[in-house]
C-alpha atoms as a PDB file:
ATOM      1  CA  UNK A   1      27.972 215.894  41.072  1.00  0.00           C
ATOM      2  CA  UNK A   2      26.326 218.391  38.704  1.00  0.00           C
ATOM      3  CA  UNK A   3      28.301 221.504  37.653  1.00  0.00           C
ATOM      4  CA  UNK A   4      26.305 223.869  39.875  1.00  0.00           C
ATOM      5  CA  UNK A   5      26.739 221.722  42.985  1.00  0.00           C
ATOM      6  CA  UNK A   6      30.436 221.343  42.187  1.00  0.00           C
ATOM      7  CA  UNK A   7      30.782 225.119  41.876  1.00  0.00           C
ATOM      8  CA  UNK A   8      29.033 225.686  45.210  1.00  0.00           C
ATOM      9  CA  UNK A   9      31.246 223.083  46.884  1.00  0.00           C
ATOM     10  CA  UNK A  10      34.320 224.789  45.450  1.00  0.00           C
ATOM     11  CA  UNK A  11      33.175 228.151  46.802  1.00  0.00           C
ATOM     12  CA  UNK A  12      32.788 226.718  50.297  1.00  0.00           C
ATOM     13  CA  UNK A  13      36.369 225.486  50.239  1.00  0.00           C
ATOM     14  CA  UNK A  14      37.949 228.641  48.843  1.00  0.00           C
ATOM     15  CA  UNK A  15      40.484 230.453  51.020  1.00  0.00           C
ATOM     16  CA  UNK A  16      39.318 233.944  51.899  1.00  0.00           C
ATOM     17  CA  UNK A  17      41.350 236.931  50.735  1.00  0.00           C
ATOM     18  CA  UNK A  18      41.812 237.952  54.347  1.00  0.00           C
ATOM     19  CA  UNK A  19      43.305 234.577  55.305  1.00  0.00           C
ATOM     20  CA  UNK A  20      45.473 234.561  52.188  1.00  0.00           C
ATOM     21  CA  UNK A  21      46.877 237.957  53.196  1.00  0.00           C
ATOM     22  CA  UNK A  22      47.527 236.731  56.741  1.00  0.00           C
ATOM     23  CA  UNK A  23      49.398 233.734  55.367  1.00  0.00           C
ATOM     24  CA  UNK A  24      51.471 235.828  52.960  1.00  0.00           C
ATOM     25  CA  UNK A  25      52.328 238.229  55.787  1.00  0.00           C
ATOM     26  CA  UNK A  26      53.490 235.269  57.873  1.00  0.00           C
ATOM     27  CA  UNK A  27      55.642 234.000  55.009  1.00  0.00           C
ATOM     28  CA  UNK A  28      57.109 237.461  54.480  1.00  0.00           C
ATOM     29  CA  UNK A  29      58.033 237.602  58.149  1.00  0.00           C
ATOM     30  CA  UNK A  30      59.647 234.141  58.071  1.00  0.00           C
ATOM     31  CA  UNK A  31      61.599 234.826  54.879  1.00  0.00           C
ATOM     32  CA  UNK A  32      63.320 237.783  56.568  1.00  0.00           C
ATOM     33  CA  UNK A  33      64.739 235.664  59.392  1.00  0.00           C
ATOM     34  CA  UNK A  34      68.464 234.896  59.463  1.00  0.00           C
ATOM     35  CA  UNK A  35      67.812 231.157  59.698  1.00  0.00           C
ATOM     36  CA  UNK A  36      65.376 231.070  56.777  1.00  0.00           C
ATOM     37  CA  UNK A  37      67.796 230.629  53.864  1.00  0.00           C
ATOM     38  CA  UNK A  38      67.914 226.768  53.778  1.00  0.00           C
ATOM     39  CA  UNK A  39      64.108 226.637  53.691  1.00  0.00           C
ATOM     40  CA  UNK A  40      63.323 229.185  50.970  1.00  0.00           C
ATOM     41  CA  UNK A  41      63.543 226.722  48.068  1.00  0.00           C
ATOM     42  CA  UNK A  42      63.018 222.963  47.604  1.00  0.00           C
ATOM     43  CA  UNK A  43      65.894 220.750  48.742  1.00  0.00           C
ATOM     44  CA  UNK A  44      68.064 219.911  45.722  1.00  0.00           C
ATOM     45  CA  UNK A  45      68.885 216.451  47.035  1.00  0.00           C
ATOM     46  CA  UNK A  46      70.126 215.178  43.653  1.00  0.00           C
ATOM     47  CA  UNK A  47      72.775 217.883  43.367  1.00  0.00           C
ATOM     48  CA  UNK A  48      73.818 217.235  46.958  1.00  0.00           C
ATOM     49  CA  UNK A  49      73.989 213.481  46.429  1.00  0.00           C
ATOM     50  CA  UNK A  50      71.412 212.746  49.120  1.00  0.00           C
ATOM     51  CA  UNK A  51      69.866 209.724  47.427  1.00  0.00           C
ATOM     52  CA  UNK A  52      67.889 208.670  50.503  1.00  0.00           C
ATOM     53  CA  UNK A  53      66.111 212.019  50.876  1.00  0.00           C
ATOM     54  CA  UNK A  54      62.937 211.028  48.950  1.00  0.00           C
ATOM     55  CA  UNK A  55      62.850 207.741  50.855  1.00  0.00           C
ATOM     56  CA  UNK A  56      62.826 209.520  54.212  1.00  0.00           C
ATOM     57  CA  UNK A  57      60.846 212.657  53.316  1.00  0.00           C
ATOM     58  CA  UNK A  58      57.711 211.583  51.465  1.00  0.00           C
ATOM     59  CA  UNK A  59      56.076 215.034  51.538  1.00  0.00           C
ATOM     60  CA  UNK A  60      58.779 217.675  50.896  1.00  0.00           C
ATOM     61  CA  UNK A  61      57.854 221.289  51.539  1.00  0.00           C
ATOM     62  CA  UNK A  62      59.516 224.714  51.448  1.00  0.00           C
ATOM     63  CA  UNK A  63      58.423 228.334  51.807  1.00  0.00           C
ATOM     64  CA  UNK A  64      58.418 229.104  48.072  1.00  0.00           C
ATOM     65  CA  UNK A  65      56.124 226.121  47.434  1.00  0.00           C
ATOM     66  CA  UNK A  66      53.721 227.296  50.143  1.00  0.00           C
ATOM     67  CA  UNK A  67      53.621 230.758  48.552  1.00  0.00           C
ATOM     68  CA  UNK A  68      52.924 229.292  45.098  1.00  0.00           C
ATOM     69  CA  UNK A  69      50.118 227.154  46.486  1.00  0.00           C
ATOM     70  CA  UNK A  70      48.541 230.206  48.121  1.00  0.00           C
ATOM     71  CA  UNK A  71      48.672 232.239  44.913  1.00  0.00           C
ATOM     72  CA  UNK A  72      47.298 229.351  42.850  1.00  0.00           C
ATOM     73  CA  UNK A  73      44.464 228.866  45.383  1.00  0.00           C
ATOM     74  CA  UNK A  74      45.435 225.344  46.411  1.00  0.00           C
ATOM     75  CA  UNK A  75      44.489 225.848  50.054  1.00  0.00           C
ATOM     76  CA  UNK A  76      41.017 225.923  51.566  1.00  0.00           C
ATOM     77  CA  UNK A  77      41.951 227.188  55.037  1.00  0.00           C
ATOM     78  CA  UNK A  78      44.606 229.180  56.850  1.00  0.00           C
ATOM     79  CA  UNK A  79      45.382 226.199  59.052  1.00  0.00           C
ATOM     80  CA  UNK A  80      46.310 224.105  56.007  1.00  0.00           C
ATOM     81  CA  UNK A  81      48.894 226.733  55.149  1.00  0.00           C
ATOM     82  CA  UNK A  82      50.311 226.902  58.657  1.00  0.00           C
ATOM     83  CA  UNK A  83      50.453 223.111  58.737  1.00  0.00           C
ATOM     84  CA  UNK A  84      52.523 223.089  55.530  1.00  0.00           C
ATOM     85  CA  UNK A  85      54.838 225.765  56.936  1.00  0.00           C
ATOM     86  CA  UNK A  86      55.387 223.662  60.035  1.00  0.00           C
ATOM     87  CA  UNK A  87      55.986 220.669  57.779  1.00  0.00           C
ATOM     88  CA  UNK A  88      59.084 222.464  56.455  1.00  0.00           C
ATOM     89  CA  UNK A  89      60.619 222.466  59.939  1.00  0.00           C
ATOM     90  CA  UNK A  90      59.379 218.965  60.746  1.00  0.00           C
ATOM     91  CA  UNK A  91      60.936 217.521  57.580  1.00  0.00           C
ATOM     92  CA  UNK A  92      64.265 219.119  58.391  1.00  0.00           C
ATOM     93  CA  UNK A  93      64.280 217.726  61.925  1.00  0.00           C
ATOM     94  CA  UNK A  94      63.266 214.305  60.617  1.00  0.00           C
ATOM     95  CA  UNK A  95      66.048 214.088  58.045  1.00  0.00           C
ATOM     96  CA  UNK A  96      68.916 215.744  59.902  1.00  0.00           C
ATOM     97  CA  UNK A  97      70.629 214.751  63.111  1.00  0.00           C
ATOM     98  CA  UNK A  98      69.590 216.376  66.357  1.00  0.00           C
ATOM     99  CA  UNK A  99      72.117 219.011  67.372  1.00  0.00           C
ATOM    100  CA  UNK A 100      73.340 219.692  63.841  1.00  0.00           C
ATOM    101  CA  UNK A 101      73.346 223.348  62.663  1.00  0.00           C
ATOM    102  CA  UNK A 102      70.493 222.828  60.200  1.00  0.00           C
ATOM    103  CA  UNK A 103      68.411 221.048  62.865  1.00  0.00           C
ATOM    104  CA  UNK A 104      68.860 224.017  65.196  1.00  0.00           C
ATOM    105  CA  UNK A 105      67.891 226.417  62.394  1.00  0.00           C
ATOM    106  CA  UNK A 106      64.671 224.481  61.896  1.00  0.00           C
ATOM    107  CA  UNK A 107      63.953 224.680  65.615  1.00  0.00           C
ATOM    108  CA  UNK A 108      64.562 228.428  65.537  1.00  0.00           C
ATOM    109  CA  UNK A 109      62.200 228.900  62.580  1.00  0.00           C
ATOM    110  CA  UNK A 110      59.587 226.708  64.226  1.00  0.00           C
ATOM    111  CA  UNK A 111      59.748 228.853  67.361  1.00  0.00           C
ATOM    112  CA  UNK A 112      59.450 232.067  65.313  1.00  0.00           C
ATOM    113  CA  UNK A 113      56.429 230.637  63.501  1.00  0.00           C
ATOM    114  CA  UNK A 114      54.740 229.799  66.789  1.00  0.00           C
ATOM    115  CA  UNK A 115      55.546 233.220  68.247  1.00  0.00           C
ATOM    116  CA  UNK A 116      54.196 235.082  65.213  1.00  0.00           C
ATOM    117  CA  UNK A 117      51.029 232.987  65.119  1.00  0.00           C
ATOM    118  CA  UNK A 118      50.446 233.593  68.810  1.00  0.00           C
ATOM    119  CA  UNK A 119      50.994 237.335  68.495  1.00  0.00           C
ATOM    120  CA  UNK A 120      48.615 237.666  65.534  1.00  0.00           C
ATOM    121  CA  UNK A 121      45.892 235.344  66.779  1.00  0.00           C
ATOM    122  CA  UNK A 122      46.676 232.486  64.395  1.00  0.00           C
ATOM    123  CA  UNK A 123      46.743 228.852  65.419  1.00  0.00           C
ATOM    124  CA  UNK A 124      50.106 227.199  64.843  1.00  0.00           C
ATOM    125  CA  UNK A 125      49.446 223.539  64.193  1.00  0.00           C
ATOM    126  CA  UNK A 126      52.088 220.906  63.681  1.00  0.00           C
ATOM    127  CA  UNK A 127      51.665 218.919  60.450  1.00  0.00           C
ATOM    128  CA  UNK A 128      49.748 215.697  60.675  1.00  0.00           C
ATOM    129  CA  UNK A 129      52.022 212.697  60.991  1.00  0.00           C
ATOM    130  CA  UNK A 130      52.628 211.222  57.556  1.00  0.00           C
ATOM    131  CA  UNK A 131      53.963 207.772  56.907  1.00  0.00           C
ATOM    132  CA  UNK A 132      57.614 207.271  56.064  1.00  0.00           C
ATOM    133  CA  UNK A 133      58.670 204.169  54.247  1.00  0.00           C
ATOM    134  CA  UNK A 134      62.359 204.027  55.144  1.00  0.00           C
ATOM    135  CA  UNK A 135      64.573 204.215  56.968  1.00  0.00           C
ATOM    136  CA  UNK A 136      62.237 203.651  59.914  1.00  0.00           C
ATOM    137  CA  UNK A 137      62.515 205.395  63.225  1.00  0.00           C
ATOM    138  CA  UNK A 138      64.241 203.167  65.750  1.00  0.00           C
ATOM    139  CA  UNK A 139      63.536 202.885  69.424  1.00  0.00           C
ATOM    140  CA  UNK A 140      65.443 200.777  71.916  1.00  0.00           C
ATOM    141  CA  UNK A 141      64.026 198.706  74.740  1.00  0.00           C
ATOM    142  CA  UNK A 142      65.694 196.613  77.438  1.00  0.00           C
ATOM    143  CA  UNK A 143      63.913 193.512  78.728  1.00  0.00           C
ATOM    144  CA  UNK A 144      65.742 190.181  78.755  1.00  0.00           C
ATOM    145  CA  UNK A 145      69.446 190.122  79.747  1.00  0.00           C
ATOM    146  CA  UNK A 146      72.059 189.071  77.206  1.00  0.00           C
ATOM    147  CA  UNK A 147      74.659 186.874  78.823  1.00  0.00           C
ATOM    148  CA  UNK A 148      78.123 188.384  79.218  1.00  0.00           C
ATOM    149  CA  UNK A 149      76.990 191.858  78.105  1.00  0.00           C
ATOM    150  CA  UNK A 150      76.954 194.687  80.627  1.00  0.00           C
ATOM    151  CA  UNK A 151      74.073 197.087  81.036  1.00  0.00           C
ATOM    152  CA  UNK A 152      76.421 199.956  80.147  1.00  0.00           C
ATOM    153  CA  UNK A 153      77.355 198.265  76.859  1.00  0.00           C
ATOM    154  CA  UNK A 154      73.689 197.901  75.908  1.00  0.00           C
ATOM    155  CA  UNK A 155      72.951 201.521  76.716  1.00  0.00           C
ATOM    156  CA  UNK A 156      76.000 202.634  74.739  1.00  0.00           C
ATOM    157  CA  UNK A 157      74.909 200.661  71.664  1.00  0.00           C
ATOM    158  CA  UNK A 158      71.339 201.996  71.925  1.00  0.00           C
ATOM    159  CA  UNK A 159      72.639 205.564  72.130  1.00  0.00           C
ATOM    160  CA  UNK A 160      74.950 205.109  69.128  1.00  0.00           C
ATOM    161  CA  UNK A 161      72.097 203.680  67.063  1.00  0.00           C
ATOM    162  CA  UNK A 162      69.818 206.568  68.073  1.00  0.00           C
ATOM    163  CA  UNK A 163      72.374 209.134  66.906  1.00  0.00           C
ATOM    164  CA  UNK A 164      73.278 207.358  63.650  1.00  0.00           C
ATOM    165  CA  UNK A 165      72.690 208.671  60.152  1.00  0.00           C
ATOM    166  CA  UNK A 166      69.828 207.323  58.041  1.00  0.00           C
ATOM    167  CA  UNK A 167      72.188 205.150  55.986  1.00  0.00           C
ATOM    168  CA  UNK A 168      73.601 203.535  59.119  1.00  0.00           C
ATOM    169  CA  UNK A 169      70.114 203.014  60.571  1.00  0.00           C
ATOM    170  CA  UNK A 170      69.055 201.253  57.383  1.00  0.00           C
ATOM    171  CA  UNK A 171      72.081 198.946  57.673  1.00  0.00           C
ATOM    172  CA  UNK A 172      71.289 198.242  61.341  1.00  0.00           C
ATOM    173  CA  UNK A 173      67.752 197.205  60.427  1.00  0.00           C
ATOM    174  CA  UNK A 174      69.058 195.018  57.598  1.00  0.00           C
ATOM    175  CA  UNK A 175      71.463 193.197  59.922  1.00  0.00           C
ATOM    176  CA  UNK A 176      68.893 192.629  62.670  1.00  0.00           C
ATOM    177  CA  UNK A 177      66.219 191.470  60.222  1.00  0.00           C
ATOM    178  CA  UNK A 178      68.574 188.937  58.658  1.00  0.00           C
ATOM    179  CA  UNK A 179      70.248 187.644  61.831  1.00  0.00           C
ATOM    180  CA  UNK A 180      67.858 188.190  64.754  1.00  0.00           C
ATOM    181  CA  UNK A 181      64.386 189.053  63.497  1.00  0.00           C
ATOM    182  CA  UNK A 182      62.761 188.434  66.887  1.00  0.00           C
ATOM    183  CA  UNK A 183      64.469 191.600  68.152  1.00  0.00           C
ATOM    184  CA  UNK A 184      62.398 193.787  65.817  1.00  0.00           C
ATOM    185  CA  UNK A 185      58.875 194.914  66.565  1.00  0.00           C
ATOM    186  CA  UNK A 186      56.824 197.058  64.173  1.00  0.00           C
ATOM    187  CA  UNK A 187      55.096 199.816  66.159  1.00  0.00           C
ATOM    188  CA  UNK A 188      53.211 201.482  63.299  1.00  0.00           C
ATOM    189  CA  UNK A 189      53.599 202.346  59.616  1.00  0.00           C
ATOM    190  CA  UNK A 190      56.729 204.441  60.070  1.00  0.00           C
ATOM    191  CA  UNK A 191      58.354 203.220  63.287  1.00  0.00           C
ATOM    192  CA  UNK A 192      59.975 200.026  64.414  1.00  0.00           C
ATOM    193  CA  UNK A 193      61.540 199.102  67.712  1.00  0.00           C
ATOM    194  CA  UNK A 194      64.812 197.231  68.085  1.00  0.00           C
ATOM    195  CA  UNK A 195      64.792 195.473  71.439  1.00  0.00           C
ATOM    196  CA  UNK A 196      68.417 195.500  72.483  1.00  0.00           C
ATOM    197  CA  UNK A 197      68.026 192.697  75.008  1.00  0.00           C
ATOM    198  CA  UNK A 198      66.383 190.455  72.435  1.00  0.00           C
ATOM    199  CA  UNK A 199      69.522 190.485  70.285  1.00  0.00           C
ATOM    200  CA  UNK A 200      71.677 187.391  70.359  1.00  0.00           C
ATOM    201  CA  UNK A 201      75.329 187.840  71.303  1.00  0.00           C
ATOM    202  CA  UNK A 202      76.606 187.449  67.725  1.00  0.00           C
ATOM    203  CA  UNK A 203      74.256 190.126  66.362  1.00  0.00           C
ATOM    204  CA  UNK A 204      74.993 192.436  69.299  1.00  0.00           C
ATOM    205  CA  UNK A 205      78.732 192.141  68.703  1.00  0.00           C
ATOM    206  CA  UNK A 206      78.308 192.733  64.970  1.00  0.00           C
ATOM    207  CA  UNK A 207      76.310 195.913  65.557  1.00  0.00           C
ATOM    208  CA  UNK A 208      78.869 197.146  68.087  1.00  0.00           C
ATOM    209  CA  UNK A 209      81.632 196.573  65.556  1.00  0.00           C
ATOM    210  CA  UNK A 210      79.707 198.346  62.811  1.00  0.00           C
ATOM    211  CA  UNK A 211      78.955 201.317  65.067  1.00  0.00           C
ATOM    212  CA  UNK A 212      82.631 201.641  65.942  1.00  0.00           C
ATOM    213  CA  UNK A 213      83.524 201.866  62.250  1.00  0.00           C
ATOM    214  CA  UNK A 214      80.639 204.130  61.197  1.00  0.00           C
ATOM    215  CA  UNK A 215      80.700 206.544  64.131  1.00  0.00           C
ATOM    216  CA  UNK A 216      82.322 209.938  63.630  1.00  0.00           C
ATOM    217  CA  UNK A 217      84.361 210.287  66.813  1.00  0.00           C
ATOM    218  CA  UNK A 218      84.810 214.024  66.280  1.00  0.00           C
ATOM    219  CA  UNK A 219      81.063 214.548  66.198  1.00  0.00           C
ATOM    220  CA  UNK A 220      81.250 216.354  62.864  1.00  0.00           C
ATOM    221  CA  UNK A 221      77.903 216.783  61.073  1.00  0.00           C
ATOM    222  CA  UNK A 222      77.454 214.623  57.989  1.00  0.00           C
ATOM    223  CA  UNK A 223      76.994 216.110  54.534  1.00  0.00           C
ATOM    224  CA  UNK A 224      73.237 215.728  54.744  1.00  0.00           C
ATOM    225  CA  UNK A 225      73.081 217.891  57.841  1.00  0.00           C
ATOM    226  CA  UNK A 226      73.709 220.967  55.708  1.00  0.00           C
ATOM    227  CA  UNK A 227      70.326 220.918  54.010  1.00  0.00           C
ATOM    228  CA  UNK A 228      66.759 221.389  55.210  1.00  0.00           C
END
C-alpha cells in the first residue's frame, strides 16, 4: 500500500472526537461507582500469587487501560471501546467463582454499563468470545448409568466440579484424561465436557474423594476471588 492510500485508510478508521468524548464520559461515570475499585487498574496477579491468571485470562483489561487506548487513538469505533469495557467484567466473572463478592461487583458494574449505554443511546455489546487455553470450562452430562452409583451421587459430583476453583478443575481434567479419557469430549477451543456417566467406577470414586478434600465446607471465597 502506498503512503497516500495508507493515510486515507488510517483516516477512515480514526475514532471521532465526539465518540472519544462519549467513551471518556462513560469511563468517568463507571470510575465513580462504589464497585469500580477492583477494576480501575490491571490485576497484579504476580503480587497476589495467582499464577494461573494469565492461563485463564488471555486478554486482560481494566478501565485505566481502556482510557489510555482512547487517548493514544488505538480504537477505531465506539463499539470497540464498549466491548473492551465489557471485557473487564467478563474476565472477572470468568476467573472468579459465581457468588463471590468480586463476581457480584462485576455483575453490578456490567449492569451499570448497560444502563448508562441505554440512557445515552450507546450500544452495549458483550466482548467477542476469545479462546482460553486452560483450565477449560467444564460441563457435565448424564447418559450411561454407572453401576452401583446413585443418580444423586452423580449430580452431587457434577455440582462440586462446577463450583470448583480453576486449580481443582485443572486437576479434575488431568485425572480424567489419564484414567478415563473416553469421558472427555472437546466442545470447542475453550470448552470441554466431562460426561459423568462415562466415568468408570474407579475414576468416579477418585474424583469424589478429591472433591471431599478440596471443597471448602464453609463456602469461604478463595484468595483469587478478591481480584477482578
